[in-house]
């Protein structure tokens, strides 16, 4: 049977702090993903509003058309 080492109170505090930091970082990553998703949805809505025909385009065609239009500016 393996000999289990008992954590000191200081080690427990450090481990708890590490877990709290990991939770905060995970929440921040989720907030960033949500903000990016919201921005992309809003940008897509603007594109559809300006050029309704793009709803029927596949992504490659849309990309080509946008690149052509933006180069002509």
PDB file of N, CA and C in Angstrom:
ATOM      1  N   UNK A   1       0.844  -1.174   0.000  1.00  0.00           N
ATOM      2  CA  UNK A   1       0.000   0.000   0.000  1.00  0.00           C
ATOM      3  C   UNK A   1       0.884   1.231   0.000  1.00  0.00           C
ATOM      4  N   UNK A   2       0.519   2.195  -0.817  1.00  0.00           N
ATOM      5  CA  UNK A   2       1.309   3.417  -0.946  1.00  0.00           C
ATOM      6  C   UNK A   2       1.147   4.271   0.301  1.00  0.00           C
ATOM      7  N   UNK A   3       2.214   4.938   0.642  1.00  0.00           N
ATOM      8  CA  UNK A   3       2.208   5.822   1.798  1.00  0.00           C
ATOM      9  C   UNK A   3       1.688   7.187   1.357  1.00  0.00           C
ATOM     10  N   UNK A   4       0.499   7.571   1.863  1.00  0.00           N
ATOM     11  CA  UNK A   4      -0.080   8.864   1.493  1.00  0.00           C
ATOM     12  C   UNK A   4       0.533   9.944   2.365  1.00  0.00           C
ATOM     13  N   UNK A   5       0.865  11.038   1.713  1.00  0.00           N
ATOM     14  CA  UNK A   5       1.441  12.180   2.417  1.00  0.00           C
ATOM     15  C   UNK A   5       0.316  13.146   2.758  1.00  0.00           C
ATOM     16  N   UNK A   6       0.271  13.609   3.947  1.00  0.00           N
ATOM     17  CA  UNK A   6      -0.746  14.552   4.375  1.00  0.00           C
ATOM     18  C   UNK A   6      -0.290  15.960   4.004  1.00  0.00           C
ATOM     19  N   UNK A   7      -1.226  16.719   3.430  1.00  0.00           N
ATOM     20  CA  UNK A   7      -0.900  18.093   3.021  1.00  0.00           C
ATOM     21  C   UNK A   7      -0.862  19.000   4.247  1.00  0.00           C
ATOM     22  N   UNK A   8       0.062  19.920   4.212  1.00  0.00           N
ATOM     23  CA  UNK A   8       0.125  20.926   5.271  1.00  0.00           C
ATOM     24  C   UNK A   8      -0.978  21.959   5.031  1.00  0.00           C
ATOM     25  N   UNK A   9      -1.350  22.717   6.048  1.00  0.00           N
ATOM     26  CA  UNK A   9      -2.354  23.765   5.851  1.00  0.00           C
ATOM     27  C   UNK A   9      -1.941  24.763   4.762  1.00  0.00           C
ATOM     28  N   UNK A  10      -0.668  25.068   4.701  1.00  0.00           N
ATOM     29  CA  UNK A  10      -0.179  25.997   3.669  1.00  0.00           C
ATOM     30  C   UNK A  10      -0.351  25.419   2.273  1.00  0.00           C
ATOM     31  N   UNK A  11      -0.076  24.121   2.138  1.00  0.00           N
ATOM     32  CA  UNK A  11      -0.253  23.472   0.841  1.00  0.00           C
ATOM     33  C   UNK A  11      -1.725  23.447   0.433  1.00  0.00           C
ATOM     34  N   UNK A  12      -2.600  23.234   1.403  1.00  0.00           N
ATOM     35  CA  UNK A  12      -4.033  23.240   1.116  1.00  0.00           C
ATOM     36  C   UNK A  12      -4.470  24.627   0.635  1.00  0.00           C
ATOM     37  N   UNK A  13      -3.988  25.673   1.297  1.00  0.00           N
ATOM     38  CA  UNK A  13      -4.331  27.042   0.913  1.00  0.00           C
ATOM     39  C   UNK A  13      -3.843  27.322  -0.507  1.00  0.00           C
ATOM     40  N   UNK A  14      -2.613  26.909  -0.805  1.00  0.00           N
ATOM     41  CA  UNK A  14      -2.061  27.116  -2.152  1.00  0.00           C
ATOM     42  C   UNK A  14      -2.866  26.355  -3.205  1.00  0.00           C
ATOM     43  N   UNK A  15      -3.233  25.128  -2.899  1.00  0.00           N
ATOM     44  CA  UNK A  15      -4.007  24.323  -3.841  1.00  0.00           C
ATOM     45  C   UNK A  15      -5.383  24.949  -4.079  1.00  0.00           C
ATOM     46  N   UNK A  16      -6.019  25.437  -3.018  1.00  0.00           N
ATOM     47  CA  UNK A  16      -7.313  26.104  -3.166  1.00  0.00           C
ATOM     48  C   UNK A  16      -7.176  27.368  -4.010  1.00  0.00           C
ATOM     49  N   UNK A  17      -6.116  28.119  -3.784  1.00  0.00           N
ATOM     50  CA  UNK A  17      -5.886  29.340  -4.557  1.00  0.00           C
ATOM     51  C   UNK A  17      -5.664  28.991  -6.026  1.00  0.00           C
ATOM     52  N   UNK A  18      -4.923  27.921  -6.278  1.00  0.00           N
ATOM     53  CA  UNK A  18      -4.686  27.480  -7.655  1.00  0.00           C
ATOM     54  C   UNK A  18      -6.004  27.119  -8.331  1.00  0.00           C
ATOM     55  N   UNK A  19      -6.870  26.407  -7.621  1.00  0.00           N
ATOM     56  CA  UNK A  19      -8.161  26.021  -8.183  1.00  0.00           C
ATOM     57  C   UNK A  19      -9.036  27.238  -8.450  1.00  0.00           C
ATOM     58  N   UNK A  20      -9.018  28.210  -7.546  1.00  0.00           N
ATOM     59  CA  UNK A  20      -9.790  29.436  -7.766  1.00  0.00           C
ATOM     60  C   UNK A  20      -9.287  30.176  -9.000  1.00  0.00           C
ATOM     61  N   UNK A  21      -7.976  30.250  -9.157  1.00  0.00           N
ATOM     62  CA  UNK A  21      -7.388  30.909 -10.322  1.00  0.00           C
ATOM     63  C   UNK A  21      -7.782  30.191 -11.610  1.00  0.00           C
ATOM     64  N   UNK A  22      -7.759  28.871 -11.595  1.00  0.00           N
ATOM     65  CA  UNK A  22      -8.158  28.100 -12.775  1.00  0.00           C
ATOM     66  C   UNK A  22      -9.630  28.343 -13.111  1.00  0.00           C
ATOM     67  N   UNK A  23     -10.481  28.451 -12.088  1.00  0.00           N
ATOM     68  CA  UNK A  23     -11.898  28.736 -12.326  1.00  0.00           C
ATOM     69  C   UNK A  23     -12.088  30.128 -12.933  1.00  0.00           C
ATOM     70  N   UNK A  24     -11.358  31.096 -12.419  1.00  0.00           N
ATOM     71  CA  UNK A  24     -11.438  32.459 -12.950  1.00  0.00           C
ATOM     72  C   UNK A  24     -10.977  32.488 -14.404  1.00  0.00           C
ATOM     73  N   UNK A  25      -9.878  31.810 -14.699  1.00  0.00           N
ATOM     74  CA  UNK A  25      -9.374  31.765 -16.074  1.00  0.00           C
ATOM     75  C   UNK A  25     -10.381  31.096 -17.006  1.00  0.00           C
ATOM     76  N   UNK A  26     -11.024  30.031 -16.536  1.00  0.00           N
ATOM     77  CA  UNK A  26     -12.034  29.337 -17.355  1.00  0.00           C
ATOM     78  C   UNK A  26     -13.226  30.261 -17.614  1.00  0.00           C
ATOM     79  N   UNK A  27     -13.667  30.999 -16.595  1.00  0.00           N
ATOM     80  CA  UNK A  27     -14.780  31.947 -16.783  1.00  0.00           C
ATOM     81  C   UNK A  27     -14.396  33.035 -17.771  1.00  0.00           C
ATOM     82  N   UNK A  28     -13.160  33.527 -17.680  1.00  0.00           N
ATOM     83  CA  UNK A  28     -12.702  34.567 -18.606  1.00  0.00           C
ATOM     84  C   UNK A  28     -12.661  34.054 -20.040  1.00  0.00           C
ATOM     85  N   UNK A  29     -12.191  32.831 -20.233  1.00  0.00           N
ATOM     86  CA  UNK A  29     -12.176  32.246 -21.582  1.00  0.00           C
ATOM     87  C   UNK A  29     -13.592  32.123 -22.128  1.00  0.00           C
ATOM     88  N   UNK A  30     -14.535  31.714 -21.259  1.00  0.00           N
ATOM     89  CA  UNK A  30     -15.930  31.592 -21.692  1.00  0.00           C
ATOM     90  C   UNK A  30     -16.501  32.955 -22.057  1.00  0.00           C
ATOM     91  N   UNK A  31     -16.210  33.981 -21.268  1.00  0.00           N
ATOM     92  CA  UNK A  31     -16.687  35.332 -21.580  1.00  0.00           C
ATOM     93  C   UNK A  31     -16.131  35.804 -22.917  1.00  0.00           C
ATOM     94  N   UNK A  32     -14.844  35.528 -23.159  1.00  0.00           N
ATOM     95  CA  UNK A  32     -14.224  35.922 -24.428  1.00  0.00           C
ATOM     96  C   UNK A  32     -14.872  35.195 -25.599  1.00  0.00           C
ATOM     97  N   UNK A  33     -15.135  33.904 -25.444  1.00  0.00           N
ATOM     98  CA  UNK A  33     -15.799  33.139 -26.518  1.00  0.00           C
ATOM     99  C   UNK A  33     -17.198  33.686 -26.778  1.00  0.00           C
ATOM    100  N   UNK A  34     -17.926  33.978 -25.709  1.00  0.00           N
ATOM    101  CA  UNK A  34     -19.283  34.513 -25.864  1.00  0.00           C
ATOM    102  C   UNK A  34     -19.258  35.874 -26.552  1.00  0.00           C
ATOM    103  N   UNK A  35     -18.301  36.725 -26.191  1.00  0.00           N
ATOM    104  CA  UNK A  35     -18.198  38.049 -26.808  1.00  0.00           C
ATOM    105  C   UNK A  35     -17.869  37.906 -28.292  1.00  0.00           C
ATOM    106  N   UNK A  36     -16.971  36.981 -28.627  1.00  0.00           N
ATOM    107  CA  UNK A  36     -16.610  36.768 -30.034  1.00  0.00           C
ATOM    108  C   UNK A  36     -17.816  36.251 -30.816  1.00  0.00           C
ATOM    109  N   UNK A  37     -18.534  35.291 -30.235  1.00  0.00           N
ATOM    110  CA  UNK A  37     -19.718  34.744 -30.899  1.00  0.00           C
ATOM    111  C   UNK A  37     -20.742  35.840 -31.151  1.00  0.00           C
ATOM    112  N   UNK A  38     -20.975  36.675 -30.157  1.00  0.00           N
ATOM    113  CA  UNK A  38     -21.934  37.780 -30.303  1.00  0.00           C
ATOM    114  C   UNK A  38     -21.497  38.735 -31.413  1.00  0.00           C
ATOM    115  N   UNK A  39     -20.208  39.071 -31.442  1.00  0.00           N
ATOM    116  CA  UNK A  39     -19.685  39.971 -32.476  1.00  0.00           C
ATOM    117  C   UNK A  39     -19.861  39.364 -33.859  1.00  0.00           C
ATOM    118  N   UNK A  40     -19.544  38.082 -34.002  1.00  0.00           N
ATOM    119  CA  UNK A  40     -19.681  37.423 -35.304  1.00  0.00           C
ATOM    120  C   UNK A  40     -21.133  37.384 -35.760  1.00  0.00           C
ATOM    121  N   UNK A  41     -22.048  37.141 -34.839  1.00  0.00           N
ATOM    122  CA  UNK A  41     -23.469  37.132 -35.191  1.00  0.00           C
ATOM    123  C   UNK A  41     -23.902  38.517 -35.641  1.00  0.00           C
ATOM    124  N   UNK A  42     -23.480  39.540 -34.925  1.00  0.00           N
ATOM    125  CA  UNK A  42     -23.842  40.903 -35.292  1.00  0.00           C
ATOM    126  C   UNK A  42     -23.269  41.275 -36.654  1.00  0.00           C
ATOM    127  N   UNK A  43     -22.016  40.903 -36.902  1.00  0.00           N
ATOM    128  CA  UNK A  43     -21.402  41.195 -38.198  1.00  0.00           C
ATOM    129  C   UNK A  43     -22.132  40.471 -39.319  1.00  0.00           C
ATOM    130  N   UNK A  44     -22.513  39.214 -39.086  1.00  0.00           N
ATOM    131  CA  UNK A  44     -23.263  38.464 -40.088  1.00  0.00           C
ATOM    132  C   UNK A  44     -24.610  39.101 -40.372  1.00  0.00           C
ATOM    133  N   UNK A  45     -25.267  39.590 -39.333  1.00  0.00           N
ATOM    134  CA  UNK A  45     -26.562  40.258 -39.508  1.00  0.00           C
ATOM    135  C   UNK A  45     -26.407  41.529 -40.329  1.00  0.00           C
ATOM    136  N   UNK A  46     -25.341  42.265 -40.089  1.00  0.00           N
ATOM    137  CA  UNK A  46     -25.083  43.480 -40.868  1.00  0.00           C
ATOM    138  C   UNK A  46     -24.857  43.122 -42.335  1.00  0.00           C
ATOM    139  N   UNK A  47     -24.052  42.102 -42.599  1.00  0.00           N
ATOM    140  CA  UNK A  47     -23.800  41.677 -43.978  1.00  0.00           C
ATOM    141  C   UNK A  47     -25.099  41.275 -44.669  1.00  0.00           C
ATOM    142  N   UNK A  48     -25.930  40.508 -43.978  1.00  0.00           N
ATOM    143  CA  UNK A  48     -27.203  40.078 -44.575  1.00  0.00           C
ATOM    144  C   UNK A  48     -28.133  41.261 -44.823  1.00  0.00           C
ATOM    145  N   UNK A  49     -28.082  42.245 -43.950  1.00  0.00           N
ATOM    146  CA  UNK A  49     -28.926  43.425 -44.114  1.00  0.00           C
ATOM    147  C   UNK A  49     -28.468  44.261 -45.311  1.00  0.00           C
ATOM    148  N   UNK A  50     -27.171  44.407 -45.480  1.00  0.00           N
ATOM    149  CA  UNK A  50     -26.618  45.210 -46.573  1.00  0.00           C
ATOM    150  C   UNK A  50     -26.771  44.485 -47.903  1.00  0.00           C
ATOM    151  N   UNK A  51     -26.585  43.184 -47.893  1.00  0.00           N
ATOM    152  CA  UNK A  51     -26.608  42.391 -49.119  1.00  0.00           C
ATOM    153  C   UNK A  51     -27.415  41.115 -48.877  1.00  0.00           C
ATOM    154  N   UNK A  52     -28.742  41.193 -48.936  1.00  0.00           N
ATOM    155  CA  UNK A  52     -29.576  40.037 -48.584  1.00  0.00           C
ATOM    156  C   UNK A  52     -29.290  38.773 -49.402  1.00  0.00           C
ATOM    157  N   UNK A  53     -28.781  38.927 -50.630  1.00  0.00           N
ATOM    158  CA  UNK A  53     -28.541  37.745 -51.467  1.00  0.00           C
ATOM    159  C   UNK A  53     -27.434  36.847 -50.919  1.00  0.00           C
ATOM    160  N   UNK A  54     -26.638  37.332 -49.992  1.00  0.00           N
ATOM    161  CA  UNK A  54     -25.548  36.487 -49.478  1.00  0.00           C
ATOM    162  C   UNK A  54     -26.071  35.317 -48.646  1.00  0.00           C
ATOM    163  N   UNK A  55     -27.332  35.382 -48.216  1.00  0.00           N
ATOM    164  CA  UNK A  55     -27.902  34.273 -47.435  1.00  0.00           C
ATOM    165  C   UNK A  55     -27.874  32.966 -48.221  1.00  0.00           C
ATOM    166  N   UNK A  56     -27.969  33.064 -49.544  1.00  0.00           N
ATOM    167  CA  UNK A  56     -28.003  31.864 -50.375  1.00  0.00           C
ATOM    168  C   UNK A  56     -26.609  31.397 -50.801  1.00  0.00           C
ATOM    169  N   UNK A  57     -25.584  32.163 -50.509  1.00  0.00           N
ATOM    170  CA  UNK A  57     -24.225  31.812 -50.938  1.00  0.00           C
ATOM    171  C   UNK A  57     -23.593  30.802 -49.988  1.00  0.00           C
ATOM    172  N   UNK A  58     -22.753  29.933 -50.573  1.00  0.00           N
ATOM    173  CA  UNK A  58     -21.942  29.095 -49.707  1.00  0.00           C
ATOM    174  C   UNK A  58     -20.768  29.946 -49.207  1.00  0.00           C
ATOM    175  N   UNK A  59     -20.077  29.472 -48.216  1.00  0.00           N
ATOM    176  CA  UNK A  59     -19.037  30.282 -47.568  1.00  0.00           C
ATOM    177  C   UNK A  59     -17.884  30.648 -48.500  1.00  0.00           C
ATOM    178  N   UNK A  60     -17.495  29.735 -49.369  1.00  0.00           N
ATOM    179  CA  UNK A  60     -16.395  30.042 -50.301  1.00  0.00           C
ATOM    180  C   UNK A  60     -16.785  31.164 -51.261  1.00  0.00           C
ATOM    181  N   UNK A  61     -18.010  31.094 -51.773  1.00  0.00           N
ATOM    182  CA  UNK A  61     -18.488  32.139 -52.681  1.00  0.00           C
ATOM    183  C   UNK A  61     -18.576  33.470 -51.952  1.00  0.00           C
ATOM    184  N   UNK A  62     -19.093  33.457 -50.746  1.00  0.00           N
ATOM    185  CA  UNK A  62     -19.182  34.671 -49.947  1.00  0.00           C
ATOM    186  C   UNK A  62     -17.803  35.283 -49.723  1.00  0.00           C
ATOM    187  N   UNK A  63     -16.858  34.449 -49.385  1.00  0.00           N
ATOM    188  CA  UNK A  63     -15.496  34.944 -49.146  1.00  0.00           C
ATOM    189  C   UNK A  63     -14.926  35.585 -50.405  1.00  0.00           C
ATOM    190  N   UNK A  64     -15.080  34.913 -51.555  1.00  0.00           N
ATOM    191  CA  UNK A  64     -14.570  35.468 -52.817  1.00  0.00           C
ATOM    192  C   UNK A  64     -15.233  36.807 -53.134  1.00  0.00           C
ATOM    193  N   UNK A  65     -16.553  36.873 -52.985  1.00  0.00           N
ATOM    194  CA  UNK A  65     -17.266  38.114 -53.296  1.00  0.00           C
ATOM    195  C   UNK A  65     -16.824  39.249 -52.375  1.00  0.00           C
ATOM    196  N   UNK A  66     -16.691  38.960 -51.103  1.00  0.00           N
ATOM    197  CA  UNK A  66     -16.244  39.999 -50.166  1.00  0.00           C
ATOM    198  C   UNK A  66     -14.836  40.483 -50.499  1.00  0.00           C
ATOM    199  N   UNK A  67     -13.965  39.552 -50.836  1.00  0.00           N
ATOM    200  CA  UNK A  67     -12.589  39.928 -51.166  1.00  0.00           C
ATOM    201  C   UNK A  67     -12.571  40.810 -52.416  1.00  0.00           C
ATOM    202  N   UNK A  68     -13.361  40.437 -53.419  1.00  0.00           N
ATOM    203  CA  UNK A  68     -13.421  41.253 -54.647  1.00  0.00           C
ATOM    204  C   UNK A  68     -13.969  42.649 -54.356  1.00  0.00           C
ATOM    205  N   UNK A  69     -15.031  42.705 -53.580  1.00  0.00           N
ATOM    206  CA  UNK A  69     -15.654  43.999 -53.270  1.00  0.00           C
ATOM    207  C   UNK A  69     -14.739  44.866 -52.420  1.00  0.00           C
ATOM    208  N   UNK A  70     -14.081  44.282 -51.472  1.00  0.00           N
ATOM    209  CA  UNK A  70     -13.230  45.067 -50.575  1.00  0.00           C
ATOM    210  C   UNK A  70     -11.958  45.555 -51.296  1.00  0.00           C
ATOM    211  N   UNK A  71     -11.471  44.780 -52.220  1.00  0.00           N
ATOM    212  CA  UNK A  71     -10.299  45.212 -52.997  1.00  0.00           C
ATOM    213  C   UNK A  71     -10.629  46.403 -53.881  1.00  0.00           C
ATOM    214  N   UNK A  72     -11.887  46.488 -54.331  1.00  0.00           N
ATOM    215  CA  UNK A  72     -12.306  47.558 -55.228  1.00  0.00           C
ATOM    216  C   UNK A  72     -12.557  48.881 -54.521  1.00  0.00           C
ATOM    217  N   UNK A  73     -12.449  48.905 -53.225  1.00  0.00           N
ATOM    218  CA  UNK A  73     -12.741  50.135 -52.480  1.00  0.00           C
ATOM    219  C   UNK A  73     -11.632  51.152 -52.625  1.00  0.00           C
TER     220      UNK A  73
END
